[in-house]
Amino acid sequence: MIRRKNRSLPELNMTSTADISFMLLIFFLVASSMDIDKGIARLLPPADNDKQQELQVEREKLIALTITAENTLTLNDEAVEMAEIRPKIVSMMTKIGPEHLIAIEAAPDAQYNTYFELQNEIAAAYREVRRKQKDFPQRIADVVGN
């Protein structure tokens, strides 16, 4: 009878592979930079409008901006273009003074881009007024009194 030889297959020693891969993982985690996502620092209004507060505001001190579903803008019920917003808000803020209130109402179908462009124009108007008038409040808390 023919007897077969038991041949062993050569094996690789894999005991240190896990250690090496763990060390490489730690190296790349330490060596790489973890960038934090940068975005627009804006606080959007909540989607649920069940709890709306009634606020008594003088009509003369209110700057009402509306974005329609067709992404058209109105300023105090007057149709305006995006390029006209900044100078009109600057003139109204300087006329009314620091007691003004800006209200933005957007239709649910309006695009976010229009809303953000409007906020950018308002922020630019504030910067322009603050450059011109040193006594203009730097924060909303200065007006409210907190």
Protein backbone atom coordinates (compact mmCIF):
# COMPACT_ATOMS: atom_id res chain seq x y z
CA MET A 1 0.00 0.00 0.00
CA ILE A 2 1.10 3.44 -0.76
CA ARG A 3 1.52 5.62 2.16
CA ARG A 4 0.94 9.32 1.83
CA LYS A 5 3.24 11.80 3.46
CA ASN A 6 1.74 14.40 5.71
CA ARG A 7 2.90 17.63 4.28
CA SER A 8 2.36 20.79 6.20
CA LEU A 9 1.58 23.99 4.42
CA PRO A 10 3.72 26.98 5.27
CA GLU A 11 1.84 29.57 7.36
CA LEU A 12 2.42 33.23 7.93
CA ASN A 13 2.70 34.44 11.43
CA MET A 14 -0.27 36.86 11.76
CA THR A 15 -0.01 37.70 15.44
CA SER A 16 1.65 41.07 14.93
CA THR A 17 -0.59 42.16 12.03
CA ALA A 18 -3.36 43.32 14.34
CA ASP A 19 -0.86 45.27 16.45
CA ILE A 20 0.64 46.96 13.39
CA SER A 21 -2.76 47.91 11.96
CA PHE A 22 -3.83 49.32 15.34
CA MET A 23 -0.62 51.37 15.55
CA LEU A 24 -1.17 52.70 12.00
CA LEU A 25 -4.75 53.62 12.85
CA ILE A 26 -3.63 55.58 15.91
CA PHE A 27 -0.86 57.26 13.92
CA PHE A 28 -3.24 58.47 11.21
CA LEU A 29 -5.80 59.66 13.76
CA VAL A 30 -3.16 61.69 15.60
CA ALA A 31 -1.42 62.98 12.46
CA SER A 32 -4.57 64.02 10.58
CA SER A 33 -6.48 67.17 11.38
CA MET A 34 -10.12 66.98 12.35
CA ASP A 35 -11.74 70.02 10.80
CA ILE A 36 -14.97 71.10 12.38
CA ASP A 37 -17.68 71.88 9.87
CA LYS A 38 -18.03 75.57 9.34
CA GLY A 39 -21.38 76.99 8.48
CA ILE A 40 -23.57 79.98 8.86
CA ALA A 41 -24.09 81.01 12.45
CA ARG A 42 -27.80 81.66 12.20
CA LEU A 43 -30.60 80.65 14.48
CA LEU A 44 -33.52 79.64 12.30
CA PRO A 45 -37.04 79.98 13.66
CA PRO A 46 -38.72 76.77 14.72
CA ALA A 47 -40.93 75.04 12.18
CA ASP A 48 -43.76 74.61 14.70
CA ASN A 49 -45.68 77.87 15.05
CA ASP A 50 -48.15 76.65 17.70
CA LYS A 51 -46.74 78.86 20.45
CA GLN A 52 -46.52 82.35 19.03
CA GLN A 53 -46.17 85.21 21.45
CA GLU A 54 -48.16 88.37 21.08
CA LEU A 55 -45.86 91.36 21.05
CA GLN A 56 -46.96 94.96 21.13
CA VAL A 57 -44.83 96.90 18.67
CA GLU A 58 -45.31 100.40 17.42
CA ARG A 59 -45.96 100.28 13.68
CA GLU A 60 -43.49 103.12 13.04
CA LYS A 61 -40.63 101.13 14.61
CA LEU A 62 -41.30 97.93 12.65
CA ILE A 63 -39.41 96.92 9.52
CA ALA A 64 -41.49 94.08 8.05
CA LEU A 65 -39.83 91.90 5.42
CA THR A 66 -41.77 89.19 3.61
CA ILE A 67 -40.56 86.44 1.28
CA THR A 68 -43.32 85.05 -0.90
CA ALA A 69 -43.53 81.54 -2.35
CA GLU A 70 -42.21 82.95 -5.64
CA ASN A 71 -39.11 84.28 -3.79
CA THR A 72 -40.08 87.93 -4.21
CA LEU A 73 -39.39 90.36 -1.39
CA THR A 74 -41.59 92.99 0.16
CA LEU A 75 -40.46 95.66 2.61
CA ASN A 76 -43.39 97.08 4.59
CA ASP A 77 -45.79 95.76 1.92
CA GLU A 78 -43.79 97.35 -0.91
CA ALA A 79 -42.14 95.09 -3.52
CA VAL A 80 -38.35 95.46 -3.58
CA GLU A 81 -35.38 93.76 -5.20
CA MET A 82 -32.61 92.14 -3.16
CA ALA A 83 -30.16 94.90 -4.18
CA GLU A 84 -32.49 97.56 -2.77
CA ILE A 85 -32.84 95.94 0.65
CA ARG A 86 -29.59 97.13 2.26
CA PRO A 87 -29.89 100.88 1.52
CA LYS A 88 -33.56 100.93 2.50
CA ILE A 89 -32.91 99.12 5.79
CA VAL A 90 -29.96 101.42 6.54
CA SER A 91 -32.10 104.52 5.98
CA MET A 92 -34.95 103.11 8.08
CA MET A 93 -32.63 102.08 10.92
CA THR A 94 -30.98 105.50 11.04
CA LYS A 95 -34.39 107.19 10.94
CA ILE A 96 -36.00 104.98 13.61
CA GLY A 97 -32.94 104.52 15.79
CA PRO A 98 -31.92 101.58 17.97
CA GLU A 99 -35.52 100.86 19.05
CA HIS A 100 -36.39 99.37 15.66
CA LEU A 101 -37.60 95.81 15.16
CA ILE A 102 -37.04 93.74 12.01
CA ALA A 103 -39.60 91.01 11.34
CA ILE A 104 -39.02 88.43 8.63
CA GLU A 105 -41.89 86.32 7.37
CA ALA A 106 -41.17 83.62 4.81
CA ALA A 107 -43.62 81.44 2.95
CA PRO A 108 -43.08 77.72 3.50
CA ASP A 109 -42.42 77.25 -0.22
CA ALA A 110 -39.74 79.96 -0.37
CA GLN A 111 -36.16 78.89 -1.01
CA TYR A 112 -33.63 78.91 1.83
CA ASN A 113 -31.17 80.72 -0.42
CA THR A 114 -33.46 83.76 -0.58
CA TYR A 115 -33.82 83.72 3.21
CA PHE A 116 -30.05 83.56 3.74
CA GLU A 117 -29.41 86.29 1.18
CA LEU A 118 -31.90 88.47 3.03
CA GLN A 119 -30.20 87.78 6.35
CA ASN A 120 -26.83 88.63 4.81
CA GLU A 121 -28.20 91.94 3.53
CA ILE A 122 -29.60 92.74 6.98
CA ALA A 123 -26.26 91.89 8.62
CA ALA A 124 -24.45 94.09 6.09
CA ALA A 125 -26.88 96.93 6.82
CA TYR A 126 -26.13 96.60 10.55
CA ARG A 127 -22.39 96.72 9.86
CA GLU A 128 -22.83 99.83 7.75
CA VAL A 129 -24.92 101.61 10.38
CA ARG A 130 -22.49 100.64 13.15
CA ARG A 131 -19.59 102.08 11.15
CA LYS A 132 -21.45 105.37 10.71
CA GLN A 133 -22.86 105.67 14.23
CA LYS A 134 -20.67 104.82 17.18
CA ASP A 135 -23.59 104.92 19.67
CA PHE A 136 -25.64 102.33 17.75
CA PRO A 137 -25.99 99.12 19.83
CA GLN A 138 -23.59 96.31 18.97
CA ARG A 139 -25.88 93.56 20.20
CA ILE A 140 -29.63 93.07 20.45
CA ALA A 141 -29.22 92.69 24.22
CA ASP A 142 -28.14 96.34 24.33
CA VAL A 143 -31.56 97.34 23.03
CA VAL A 144 -33.56 94.90 25.14
CA GLY A 145 -31.60 95.75 28.29
CA ASN A 146 -30.23 92.32 29.27
